[in-house]
Each structure stands twice: as C-alpha cells, then as structure tokens.
Amino acid sequence: MDADSPTDVRLTDTQHRILAALCRPISGGNAFATPATNQEIADEAFLSVDAVKGHLRTLYRKFGIEGLPHNQKRARLVELAIEGGYIQVEEPTGPMTEAERLARTAPPKPGRPRPWLRPAVTSVILILVIAGSVLATSGILGSSTPATKVPTEAAYRAQVAGYCELALAGAPTATGGNRAETARGYLEVIETMRGRLESLTAPEGVSLALERFGSGLTTAANYTSEVAEHPPAAGSAEEAKDVAELTFAAGQVQAGAVGYQLGHACLAIADLVAASAENAAAP
C-alpha cells in the first residue's frame, strides 16, 4: 500500500455503494478493465446519474483528489480505494493471457499509470462487438427501451413521504455524546433521503418547493459530512459556517416539505437537519 493512500476516510453507506460500483470492473479481477461509467453506477446503486455525479464530487474531495484533471480523477479514485482497503479485489479465475501475466508480475514503469488503468485494445473491440450485437438484436426483434413513466403529483408525494419515513427509521436514538458520531448518524438519514429522492422520476413541470427540498438535503449532507469528519472548534469560523449553513438547509427542507405538501415525515427530516445544526456547535 502506498504511503499516501488514505485509510481513514469515513464513508456513508451510499458513498460506499457508489465507490464499490465504480470499482466493480477492476475489483472483479479484470486487470485491464476501466472504471464503471456514471450510468453503470446509477443502475447498480439505484440512483440518478446526476446523483452519482454529486456523490463522486464528494468522494473526490474526501480522498483529496478534487484538484486533479477531470480525466484522471476516476482512475485515481479507484486506485486509492483499492490501495486503502475500501474495496477488495478478487483474484482472477482461469488461465491468464501472457499480457495479463506480465502486467501482474512486472512493476509499473515510473510516470505511467498502473496496468489495470490502461484499457486493452482487445477489451475495446470486445465491447464494441457486444454493443453492436445488442443493437442488431434489438433491431431484429423490434424492441425498444420503454419510456419512463411520469407519475402524478399525488403519487410522487406519496413516494417521497414514504421514503422520508424509511430514512427516519435509521435516525440515531441517542444524542449529546460524541459530536462526530452523532453527525454520522444524522448523515446516514440525510444521505439516504437525498439518494432516494434523486432516484425518483419527478412529475412534469418545475416546482420551486421541491427544488428547495432537494437543495436543502444536499447542503445538509455536505455540511453534516464536514462535522462528522472534523468537528469544528468552539468559536471558530468553521463552526459558525457549519451552523449557519445547516440552519439554512433545515429551513429549505422545511419550506420545501410544506410548499410541496410532503407530510409530517418529511417535516421531521427538516427537524433532524436542525438537530444537526445544533450538533455542529461545540458545547
């Protein structure tokens, strides 16, 4: 393991699922695979592509690679996840090709990406062949991907309210102890609700109330995560910012829940975000 591989990054359940899905092609034992695409991650984690992008940005920040060029972040995140022990790599089964054998036994050349980060030409060709076969078969059978059904506002409200209830089922039962631990409990609820909200297909039309609800959850997740990782010192600028942002986020979630008529469970999510703001303040 490299000395600069982080081993103490705290991940929520959703973030770990995102990371596992991103690394799936490599962790499955294929040394020449490339990281999963956003769509593949979304399909595995049952989230929207936009939600996946948001979680990846958080992971880039947590692993300290947000400053890397865009085309290097995904590969580096996979590398750090595997080296740091967050994701286990399965040993390949069956005979290896000569290229795979050399890739696994020879040390990586200085300044060059590691072998499993370089896509093999044969893999690209195989992917193109499979994709072409699928498209051809779809044309022969006359099948097509069904359009996503847009729910009514009443049905959507019921779905969101149900998800709020499910998310609250994981709320911490005890507070007032370790601030970081308490923040992690709040974060699990907030991240769960945010991920489930983003996985839903919203009704047609723009709703400012619904946008406030979702924006408040995103802000709450970001700043609760900060408190969970590094509880701010009493009287510091970080403490003031965390408390202010979380208080504002609680107001957004509450206003959105009221404005979109999401019910008592979603209002309780706003109360939990307000509790997270109180937890951010040092005793």
C-alpha atoms as a PDB file:
ATOM      1  CA  MET A   1       0.000   0.000   0.000  1.00  0.00           C
ATOM      2  CA  ASP A   2       1.383   3.459  -0.876  1.00  0.00           C
ATOM      3  CA  ALA A   3       2.183   5.815   1.958  1.00  0.00           C
ATOM      4  CA  ASP A   4      -0.207   8.399   0.540  1.00  0.00           C
ATOM      5  CA  SER A   5      -3.163   6.028   0.302  1.00  0.00           C
ATOM      6  CA  PRO A   6      -5.840   7.247   2.730  1.00  0.00           C
ATOM      7  CA  THR A   7      -7.089   4.621   5.147  1.00  0.00           C
ATOM      8  CA  ASP A   8      -9.273   6.733   7.461  1.00  0.00           C
ATOM      9  CA  VAL A   9     -11.796   8.323   5.104  1.00  0.00           C
ATOM     10  CA  ARG A  10     -15.275   7.959   6.572  1.00  0.00           C
ATOM     11  CA  LEU A  11     -17.887   6.927   4.012  1.00  0.00           C
ATOM     12  CA  THR A  12     -21.645   6.795   4.266  1.00  0.00           C
ATOM     13  CA  ASP A  13     -23.434   3.661   3.075  1.00  0.00           C
ATOM     14  CA  THR A  14     -24.423   5.443  -0.135  1.00  0.00           C
ATOM     15  CA  GLN A  15     -20.882   6.642  -0.791  1.00  0.00           C
ATOM     16  CA  HIS A  16     -19.531   3.142  -0.244  1.00  0.00           C
ATOM     17  CA  ARG A  17     -22.063   1.745  -2.726  1.00  0.00           C
ATOM     18  CA  ILE A  18     -21.005   4.384  -5.261  1.00  0.00           C
ATOM     19  CA  LEU A  19     -17.342   3.532  -4.724  1.00  0.00           C
ATOM     20  CA  ALA A  20     -17.984  -0.214  -4.970  1.00  0.00           C
ATOM     21  CA  ALA A  21     -19.905   0.237  -8.223  1.00  0.00           C
ATOM     22  CA  LEU A  22     -17.172   2.481  -9.663  1.00  0.00           C
ATOM     23  CA  CYS A  23     -14.525  -0.142  -8.891  1.00  0.00           C
ATOM     24  CA  ARG A  24     -16.650  -3.139  -9.906  1.00  0.00           C
ATOM     25  CA  PRO A  25     -14.949  -3.837 -13.270  1.00  0.00           C
ATOM     26  CA  ILE A  26     -11.495  -3.861 -11.630  1.00  0.00           C
ATOM     27  CA  SER A  27     -12.417  -5.406  -8.276  1.00  0.00           C
ATOM     28  CA  GLY A  28     -13.969  -8.330 -10.144  1.00  0.00           C
ATOM     29  CA  GLY A  29     -10.475  -9.460 -11.128  1.00  0.00           C
ATOM     30  CA  ASN A  30     -10.132  -7.909 -14.600  1.00  0.00           C
ATOM     31  CA  ALA A  31      -6.771  -6.168 -14.522  1.00  0.00           C
ATOM     32  CA  PHE A  32      -7.414  -4.453 -17.848  1.00  0.00           C
ATOM     33  CA  ALA A  33     -10.889  -3.093 -17.106  1.00  0.00           C
ATOM     34  CA  THR A  34     -11.758   0.598 -16.833  1.00  0.00           C
ATOM     35  CA  PRO A  35     -13.830   2.159 -14.034  1.00  0.00           C
ATOM     36  CA  ALA A  36     -17.603   1.950 -14.378  1.00  0.00           C
ATOM     37  CA  THR A  37     -19.439   4.756 -16.148  1.00  0.00           C
ATOM     38  CA  ASN A  38     -21.855   7.061 -14.338  1.00  0.00           C
ATOM     39  CA  GLN A  39     -24.781   5.241 -15.944  1.00  0.00           C
ATOM     40  CA  GLU A  40     -23.467   1.850 -14.830  1.00  0.00           C
ATOM     41  CA  ILE A  41     -23.011   3.166 -11.287  1.00  0.00           C
ATOM     42  CA  ALA A  42     -26.505   4.652 -11.335  1.00  0.00           C
ATOM     43  CA  ASP A  43     -28.005   1.340 -12.460  1.00  0.00           C
ATOM     44  CA  GLU A  44     -26.245  -0.606  -9.707  1.00  0.00           C
ATOM     45  CA  ALA A  45     -26.845   1.906  -6.915  1.00  0.00           C
ATOM     46  CA  PHE A  46     -30.451   2.700  -7.958  1.00  0.00           C
ATOM     47  CA  LEU A  47     -29.706   6.422  -8.235  1.00  0.00           C
ATOM     48  CA  SER A  48     -29.962   9.016 -10.972  1.00  0.00           C
ATOM     49  CA  VAL A  49     -26.880   9.908 -12.991  1.00  0.00           C
ATOM     50  CA  ASP A  50     -26.952  13.415 -11.502  1.00  0.00           C
ATOM     51  CA  ALA A  51     -26.953  11.926  -8.013  1.00  0.00           C
ATOM     52  CA  VAL A  52     -23.962   9.756  -8.924  1.00  0.00           C
ATOM     53  CA  LYS A  53     -22.072  12.812 -10.180  1.00  0.00           C
ATOM     54  CA  GLY A  54     -22.762  14.606  -6.915  1.00  0.00           C
ATOM     55  CA  HIS A  55     -21.557  11.683  -4.817  1.00  0.00           C
ATOM     56  CA  LEU A  56     -18.415  11.341  -6.943  1.00  0.00           C
ATOM     57  CA  ARG A  57     -17.589  15.012  -6.403  1.00  0.00           C
ATOM     58  CA  THR A  58     -17.877  14.396  -2.643  1.00  0.00           C
ATOM     59  CA  LEU A  59     -15.632  11.337  -2.904  1.00  0.00           C
ATOM     60  CA  TYR A  60     -13.023  13.260  -4.904  1.00  0.00           C
ATOM     61  CA  ARG A  61     -12.964  15.832  -2.109  1.00  0.00           C
ATOM     62  CA  LYS A  62     -12.807  13.249   0.682  1.00  0.00           C
ATOM     63  CA  PHE A  63      -9.895  11.432  -0.974  1.00  0.00           C
ATOM     64  CA  GLY A  64      -8.091  14.723  -1.678  1.00  0.00           C
ATOM     65  CA  ILE A  65      -8.038  14.475  -5.471  1.00  0.00           C
ATOM     66  CA  GLU A  66     -10.517  17.191  -6.443  1.00  0.00           C
ATOM     67  CA  GLY A  67      -7.627  19.192  -7.927  1.00  0.00           C
ATOM     68  CA  LEU A  68      -6.645  16.514 -10.455  1.00  0.00           C
ATOM     69  CA  PRO A  69      -7.575  16.918 -14.138  1.00  0.00           C
ATOM     70  CA  HIS A  70     -11.067  15.628 -14.831  1.00  0.00           C
ATOM     71  CA  ASN A  71      -9.845  12.718 -16.965  1.00  0.00           C
ATOM     72  CA  GLN A  72      -7.641  11.405 -14.126  1.00  0.00           C
ATOM     73  CA  LYS A  73      -9.964  11.599 -11.117  1.00  0.00           C
ATOM     74  CA  ARG A  74     -11.956   8.392 -11.688  1.00  0.00           C
ATOM     75  CA  ALA A  75      -8.911   6.188 -12.215  1.00  0.00           C
ATOM     76  CA  ARG A  76      -7.098   7.703  -9.252  1.00  0.00           C
ATOM     77  CA  LEU A  77     -10.150   7.265  -7.007  1.00  0.00           C
ATOM     78  CA  VAL A  78     -10.306   3.570  -7.923  1.00  0.00           C
ATOM     79  CA  GLU A  79      -6.597   3.228  -7.229  1.00  0.00           C
ATOM     80  CA  LEU A  80      -6.864   4.871  -3.803  1.00  0.00           C
ATOM     81  CA  ALA A  81      -9.980   2.881  -2.899  1.00  0.00           C
ATOM     82  CA  ILE A  82      -8.245  -0.417  -3.618  1.00  0.00           C
ATOM     83  CA  GLU A  83      -4.903   0.539  -2.072  1.00  0.00           C
ATOM     84  CA  GLY A  84      -6.621   1.943   1.026  1.00  0.00           C
ATOM     85  CA  GLY A  85      -8.550  -1.286   1.585  1.00  0.00           C
ATOM     86  CA  TYR A  86     -12.009   0.182   0.986  1.00  0.00           C
ATOM     87  CA  ILE A  87     -12.588  -2.209  -1.920  1.00  0.00           C
ATOM     88  CA  GLN A  88     -11.279  -5.761  -2.151  1.00  0.00           C
ATOM     89  CA  VAL A  89     -10.022  -7.107  -5.477  1.00  0.00           C
ATOM     90  CA  GLU A  90     -10.920 -10.665  -6.375  1.00  0.00           C
ATOM     91  CA  GLU A  91      -8.228 -12.934  -7.710  1.00  0.00           C
ATOM     92  CA  PRO A  92      -8.839 -13.823 -11.359  1.00  0.00           C
ATOM     93  CA  THR A  93     -10.004 -17.348 -12.077  1.00  0.00           C
ATOM     94  CA  GLY A  94      -8.893 -19.421 -15.035  1.00  0.00           C
ATOM     95  CA  PRO A  95      -5.700 -19.122 -17.069  1.00  0.00           C
ATOM     96  CA  MET A  96      -4.215 -15.679 -17.645  1.00  0.00           C
ATOM     97  CA  THR A  97      -3.067 -14.428 -21.006  1.00  0.00           C
ATOM     98  CA  GLU A  98       0.602 -13.647 -21.451  1.00  0.00           C
ATOM     99  CA  ALA A  99      -0.188  -9.930 -21.343  1.00  0.00           C
ATOM    100  CA  GLU A 100      -2.066 -10.294 -18.049  1.00  0.00           C
ATOM    101  CA  ARG A 101       0.728 -12.382 -16.573  1.00  0.00           C
ATOM    102  CA  LEU A 102       3.335  -9.770 -17.477  1.00  0.00           C
ATOM    103  CA  ALA A 103       1.116  -6.971 -16.205  1.00  0.00           C
ATOM    104  CA  ARG A 104       0.755  -8.651 -12.817  1.00  0.00           C
ATOM    105  CA  THR A 105       4.402  -9.630 -12.382  1.00  0.00           C
ATOM    106  CA  ALA A 106       6.208  -6.615 -13.816  1.00  0.00           C
ATOM    107  CA  PRO A 107       6.429  -3.451 -11.687  1.00  0.00           C
ATOM    108  CA  PRO A 108       4.731  -0.401 -13.156  1.00  0.00           C
ATOM    109  CA  LYS A 109       7.006   1.948 -15.045  1.00  0.00           C
ATOM    110  CA  PRO A 110       7.695   5.308 -13.386  1.00  0.00           C
ATOM    111  CA  GLY A 111       5.333   8.024 -14.507  1.00  0.00           C
ATOM    112  CA  ARG A 112       2.985   5.585 -16.196  1.00  0.00           C
ATOM    113  CA  PRO A 113      -0.481   4.520 -14.996  1.00  0.00           C
ATOM    114  CA  ARG A 114      -0.763   1.093 -13.479  1.00  0.00           C
ATOM    115  CA  PRO A 115      -1.682  -1.762 -15.803  1.00  0.00           C
ATOM    116  CA  TRP A 116      -5.284  -2.086 -14.646  1.00  0.00           C
ATOM    117  CA  LEU A 117      -5.829   1.582 -15.507  1.00  0.00           C
ATOM    118  CA  ARG A 118      -4.927   1.082 -19.199  1.00  0.00           C
ATOM    119  CA  PRO A 119      -7.727  -0.361 -21.339  1.00  0.00           C
ATOM    120  CA  ALA A 120      -6.575  -3.140 -23.631  1.00  0.00           C
ATOM    121  CA  VAL A 121      -7.323  -2.819 -27.312  1.00  0.00           C
ATOM    122  CA  THR A 122      -8.913  -6.244 -27.294  1.00  0.00           C
ATOM    123  CA  SER A 123     -11.268  -5.191 -24.500  1.00  0.00           C
ATOM    124  CA  VAL A 124     -12.388  -2.175 -26.502  1.00  0.00           C
ATOM    125  CA  ILE A 125     -13.010  -4.316 -29.551  1.00  0.00           C
ATOM    126  CA  LEU A 126     -14.952  -6.838 -27.486  1.00  0.00           C
ATOM    127  CA  ILE A 127     -17.130  -4.087 -26.011  1.00  0.00           C
ATOM    128  CA  LEU A 128     -17.857  -2.719 -29.482  1.00  0.00           C
ATOM    129  CA  VAL A 129     -18.728  -6.167 -30.766  1.00  0.00           C
ATOM    130  CA  ILE A 130     -21.092  -6.839 -27.856  1.00  0.00           C
ATOM    131  CA  ALA A 131     -22.710  -3.420 -28.218  1.00  0.00           C
ATOM    132  CA  GLY A 132     -23.167  -3.980 -31.925  1.00  0.00           C
ATOM    133  CA  SER A 133     -24.721  -7.369 -31.308  1.00  0.00           C
ATOM    134  CA  VAL A 134     -27.165  -5.944 -28.789  1.00  0.00           C
ATOM    135  CA  LEU A 135     -28.205  -3.171 -31.154  1.00  0.00           C
ATOM    136  CA  ALA A 136     -28.593  -5.575 -34.029  1.00  0.00           C
ATOM    137  CA  THR A 137     -30.641  -7.967 -31.956  1.00  0.00           C
ATOM    138  CA  SER A 138     -32.843  -5.126 -30.757  1.00  0.00           C
ATOM    139  CA  GLY A 139     -33.481  -4.102 -34.332  1.00  0.00           C
ATOM    140  CA  ILE A 140     -34.384  -7.624 -35.406  1.00  0.00           C
ATOM    141  CA  LEU A 141     -36.761  -8.138 -32.513  1.00  0.00           C
ATOM    142  CA  GLY A 142     -38.229  -4.669 -32.891  1.00  0.00           C
ATOM    143  CA  SER A 143     -37.819  -3.997 -29.174  1.00  0.00           C
ATOM    144  CA  SER A 144     -37.031  -0.629 -27.686  1.00  0.00           C
ATOM    145  CA  THR A 145     -36.440   0.811 -24.241  1.00  0.00           C
ATOM    146  CA  PRO A 146     -39.801   1.809 -22.761  1.00  0.00           C
ATOM    147  CA  ALA A 147     -40.197   5.458 -21.877  1.00  0.00           C
ATOM    148  CA  THR A 148     -40.003   6.275 -18.186  1.00  0.00           C
ATOM    149  CA  LYS A 149     -43.493   6.702 -16.792  1.00  0.00           C
ATOM    150  CA  VAL A 150     -44.002  10.154 -15.293  1.00  0.00           C
ATOM    151  CA  PRO A 151     -46.003   9.913 -12.035  1.00  0.00           C
ATOM    152  CA  THR A 152     -48.790  12.217 -10.984  1.00  0.00           C
ATOM    153  CA  GLU A 153     -48.020  14.765  -8.277  1.00  0.00           C
ATOM    154  CA  ALA A 154     -50.147  12.829  -5.791  1.00  0.00           C
ATOM    155  CA  ALA A 155     -48.293   9.578  -6.498  1.00  0.00           C
ATOM    156  CA  TYR A 156     -44.932  11.334  -6.319  1.00  0.00           C
ATOM    157  CA  ARG A 157     -45.783  12.966  -2.978  1.00  0.00           C
ATOM    158  CA  ALA A 158     -46.737   9.565  -1.595  1.00  0.00           C
ATOM    159  CA  GLN A 159     -43.422   8.090  -2.764  1.00  0.00           C
ATOM    160  CA  VAL A 160     -41.364  10.887  -1.227  1.00  0.00           C
ATOM    161  CA  ALA A 161     -43.323  10.747   2.040  1.00  0.00           C
ATOM    162  CA  GLY A 162     -42.776   7.002   2.221  1.00  0.00           C
ATOM    163  CA  TYR A 163     -39.048   7.442   1.654  1.00  0.00           C
ATOM    164  CA  CYS A 164     -38.933  10.062   4.424  1.00  0.00           C
ATOM    165  CA  GLU A 165     -40.438   7.529   6.815  1.00  0.00           C
ATOM    166  CA  LEU A 166     -37.948   4.860   5.767  1.00  0.00           C
ATOM    167  CA  ALA A 167     -34.999   7.232   6.117  1.00  0.00           C
ATOM    168  CA  LEU A 168     -36.110   8.295   9.606  1.00  0.00           C
ATOM    169  CA  ALA A 169     -36.154   4.656  10.674  1.00  0.00           C
ATOM    170  CA  GLY A 170     -32.354   4.868  10.729  1.00  0.00           C
ATOM    171  CA  ALA A 171     -32.186   8.061  12.799  1.00  0.00           C
ATOM    172  CA  PRO A 172     -29.870   7.921  15.825  1.00  0.00           C
ATOM    173  CA  THR A 173     -31.689   7.218  19.074  1.00  0.00           C
ATOM    174  CA  ALA A 174     -29.140   8.868  21.367  1.00  0.00           C
ATOM    175  CA  THR A 175     -27.510  12.294  21.105  1.00  0.00           C
ATOM    176  CA  GLY A 176     -25.388  14.551  23.229  1.00  0.00           C
ATOM    177  CA  GLY A 177     -22.295  12.339  23.163  1.00  0.00           C
ATOM    178  CA  ASN A 178     -19.507  12.328  20.623  1.00  0.00           C
ATOM    179  CA  ARG A 179     -20.280  15.081  18.086  1.00  0.00           C
ATOM    180  CA  ALA A 180     -18.644  13.286  15.168  1.00  0.00           C
ATOM    181  CA  GLU A 181     -20.517  10.069  15.893  1.00  0.00           C
ATOM    182  CA  THR A 182     -23.811  11.950  16.246  1.00  0.00           C
ATOM    183  CA  ALA A 183     -23.165  13.741  12.950  1.00  0.00           C
ATOM    184  CA  ARG A 184     -22.542  10.412  11.227  1.00  0.00           C
ATOM    185  CA  GLY A 185     -25.921   9.191  12.446  1.00  0.00           C
ATOM    186  CA  TYR A 186     -27.644  12.271  11.050  1.00  0.00           C
ATOM    187  CA  LEU A 187     -25.678  11.975   7.824  1.00  0.00           C
ATOM    188  CA  GLU A 188     -26.890   8.446   7.185  1.00  0.00           C
ATOM    189  CA  VAL A 189     -30.501   9.641   7.313  1.00  0.00           C
ATOM    190  CA  ILE A 190     -29.868  12.714   5.163  1.00  0.00           C
ATOM    191  CA  GLU A 191     -27.835  10.824   2.541  1.00  0.00           C
ATOM    192  CA  THR A 192     -30.410   8.041   2.412  1.00  0.00           C
ATOM    193  CA  MET A 193     -33.218  10.511   1.826  1.00  0.00           C
ATOM    194  CA  ARG A 194     -31.269  12.509  -0.732  1.00  0.00           C
ATOM    195  CA  GLY A 195     -30.325   9.425  -2.709  1.00  0.00           C
ATOM    196  CA  ARG A 196     -33.882   8.112  -2.719  1.00  0.00           C
ATOM    197  CA  LEU A 197     -35.289  11.481  -3.764  1.00  0.00           C
ATOM    198  CA  GLU A 198     -32.851  11.743  -6.652  1.00  0.00           C
ATOM    199  CA  SER A 199     -33.690   8.210  -7.783  1.00  0.00           C
ATOM    200  CA  LEU A 200     -37.324   9.143  -8.364  1.00  0.00           C
ATOM    201  CA  THR A 201     -38.798  10.486 -11.579  1.00  0.00           C
ATOM    202  CA  ALA A 202     -40.433  13.792 -10.726  1.00  0.00           C
ATOM    203  CA  PRO A 203     -43.698  14.961 -12.273  1.00  0.00           C
ATOM    204  CA  GLU A 204     -43.519  17.254 -15.272  1.00  0.00           C
ATOM    205  CA  GLY A 205     -43.103  20.942 -14.613  1.00  0.00           C
ATOM    206  CA  VAL A 206     -40.895  22.956 -12.295  1.00  0.00           C
ATOM    207  CA  SER A 207     -41.665  23.180  -8.585  1.00  0.00           C
ATOM    208  CA  LEU A 208     -39.652  25.681  -6.551  1.00  0.00           C
ATOM    209  CA  ALA A 209     -40.784  23.976  -3.352  1.00  0.00           C
ATOM    210  CA  LEU A 210     -39.465  20.627  -4.495  1.00  0.00           C
ATOM    211  CA  GLU A 211     -36.206  22.230  -5.605  1.00  0.00           C
ATOM    212  CA  ARG A 212     -35.816  23.798  -2.162  1.00  0.00           C
ATOM    213  CA  PHE A 213     -36.399  20.430  -0.509  1.00  0.00           C
ATOM    214  CA  GLY A 214     -33.742  18.722  -2.621  1.00  0.00           C
ATOM    215  CA  SER A 215     -31.266  21.615  -2.378  1.00  0.00           C
ATOM    216  CA  GLY A 216     -31.657  21.674   1.384  1.00  0.00           C
ATOM    217  CA  LEU A 217     -30.869  17.961   1.604  1.00  0.00           C
ATOM    218  CA  THR A 218     -27.725  18.431  -0.498  1.00  0.00           C
ATOM    219  CA  THR A 219     -26.481  21.300   1.667  1.00  0.00           C
ATOM    220  CA  ALA A 220     -27.316  19.363   4.813  1.00  0.00           C
ATOM    221  CA  ALA A 221     -25.389  16.313   3.582  1.00  0.00           C
ATOM    222  CA  ASN A 222     -22.310  18.363   2.680  1.00  0.00           C
ATOM    223  CA  TYR A 223     -22.018  20.225   5.988  1.00  0.00           C
ATOM    224  CA  THR A 224     -23.064  17.334   8.221  1.00  0.00           C
ATOM    225  CA  SER A 225     -20.294  15.367   6.497  1.00  0.00           C
ATOM    226  CA  GLU A 226     -17.831  18.131   7.422  1.00  0.00           C
ATOM    227  CA  VAL A 227     -18.849  17.903  11.085  1.00  0.00           C
ATOM    228  CA  ALA A 228     -18.653  14.109  11.006  1.00  0.00           C
ATOM    229  CA  GLU A 229     -15.086  14.238   9.693  1.00  0.00           C
ATOM    230  CA  HIS A 230     -13.765  17.268  11.584  1.00  0.00           C
ATOM    231  CA  PRO A 231     -15.975  18.685  14.362  1.00  0.00           C
ATOM    232  CA  PRO A 232     -15.245  22.434  14.398  1.00  0.00           C
ATOM    233  CA  ALA A 233     -13.613  24.068  17.391  1.00  0.00           C
ATOM    234  CA  ALA A 234     -15.675  26.302  19.645  1.00  0.00           C
ATOM    235  CA  GLY A 235     -15.777  29.885  18.421  1.00  0.00           C
ATOM    236  CA  SER A 236     -14.045  29.084  15.130  1.00  0.00           C
ATOM    237  CA  ALA A 237     -15.047  30.377  11.713  1.00  0.00           C
ATOM    238  CA  GLU A 238     -15.689  26.780  10.655  1.00  0.00           C
ATOM    239  CA  GLU A 239     -18.182  26.334  13.493  1.00  0.00           C
ATOM    240  CA  ALA A 240     -20.054  29.500  12.530  1.00  0.00           C
ATOM    241  CA  LYS A 241     -20.213  28.456   8.875  1.00  0.00           C
ATOM    242  CA  ASP A 242     -21.326  24.891   9.595  1.00  0.00           C
ATOM    243  CA  VAL A 243     -24.070  26.039  11.954  1.00  0.00           C
ATOM    244  CA  ALA A 244     -25.280  28.761   9.575  1.00  0.00           C
ATOM    245  CA  GLU A 245     -25.342  26.504   6.521  1.00  0.00           C
ATOM    246  CA  LEU A 246     -27.107  23.675   8.341  1.00  0.00           C
ATOM    247  CA  THR A 247     -29.659  26.059   9.827  1.00  0.00           C
ATOM    248  CA  PHE A 248     -30.333  27.434   6.357  1.00  0.00           C
ATOM    249  CA  ALA A 249     -30.581  23.881   4.987  1.00  0.00           C
ATOM    250  CA  ALA A 250     -33.131  22.976   7.667  1.00  0.00           C
ATOM    251  CA  GLY A 251     -35.213  25.970   6.619  1.00  0.00           C
ATOM    252  CA  GLN A 252     -35.029  24.911   2.967  1.00  0.00           C
ATOM    253  CA  VAL A 253     -36.095  21.350   3.732  1.00  0.00           C
ATOM    254  CA  GLN A 254     -38.943  22.580   5.901  1.00  0.00           C
ATOM    255  CA  ALA A 255     -40.130  25.163   3.352  1.00  0.00           C
ATOM    256  CA  GLY A 256     -39.939  22.597   0.586  1.00  0.00           C
ATOM    257  CA  ALA A 257     -41.834  19.982   2.572  1.00  0.00           C
ATOM    258  CA  VAL A 258     -44.580  22.465   3.429  1.00  0.00           C
ATOM    259  CA  GLY A 259     -44.746  24.016  -0.022  1.00  0.00           C
ATOM    260  CA  TYR A 260     -44.933  20.673  -1.816  1.00  0.00           C
ATOM    261  CA  GLN A 261     -47.190  19.144   0.840  1.00  0.00           C
ATOM    262  CA  LEU A 262     -44.903  16.230   1.623  1.00  0.00           C
ATOM    263  CA  GLY A 263     -46.328  15.479   5.050  1.00  0.00           C
ATOM    264  CA  HIS A 264     -45.140  15.078   8.636  1.00  0.00           C
ATOM    265  CA  ALA A 265     -42.337  12.578   7.966  1.00  0.00           C
ATOM    266  CA  CYS A 266     -40.558  14.954   5.582  1.00  0.00           C
ATOM    267  CA  LEU A 267     -41.011  17.797   8.074  1.00  0.00           C
ATOM    268  CA  ALA A 268     -39.310  15.528  10.593  1.00  0.00           C
ATOM    269  CA  ILE A 269     -36.339  15.333   8.200  1.00  0.00           C
ATOM    270  CA  ALA A 270     -36.115  19.136   8.482  1.00  0.00           C
ATOM    271  CA  ASP A 271     -36.115  18.797  12.273  1.00  0.00           C
ATOM    272  CA  LEU A 272     -33.268  16.309  12.016  1.00  0.00           C
ATOM    273  CA  VAL A 273     -31.242  18.757   9.898  1.00  0.00           C
ATOM    274  CA  ALA A 274     -31.899  21.428  12.539  1.00  0.00           C
ATOM    275  CA  ALA A 275     -30.601  18.977  15.155  1.00  0.00           C
ATOM    276  CA  SER A 276     -27.507  18.511  13.005  1.00  0.00           C
ATOM    277  CA  ALA A 277     -27.002  22.295  13.123  1.00  0.00           C
ATOM    278  CA  GLU A 278     -27.189  22.216  16.922  1.00  0.00           C
ATOM    279  CA  ASN A 279     -24.710  19.348  16.980  1.00  0.00           C
ATOM    280  CA  ALA A 280     -22.284  21.375  14.837  1.00  0.00           C
ATOM    281  CA  ALA A 281     -21.995  23.943  17.636  1.00  0.00           C
ATOM    282  CA  ALA A 282     -19.313  22.991  20.118  1.00  0.00           C
ATOM    283  CA  PRO A 283     -20.571  22.654  23.718  1.00  0.00           C
END
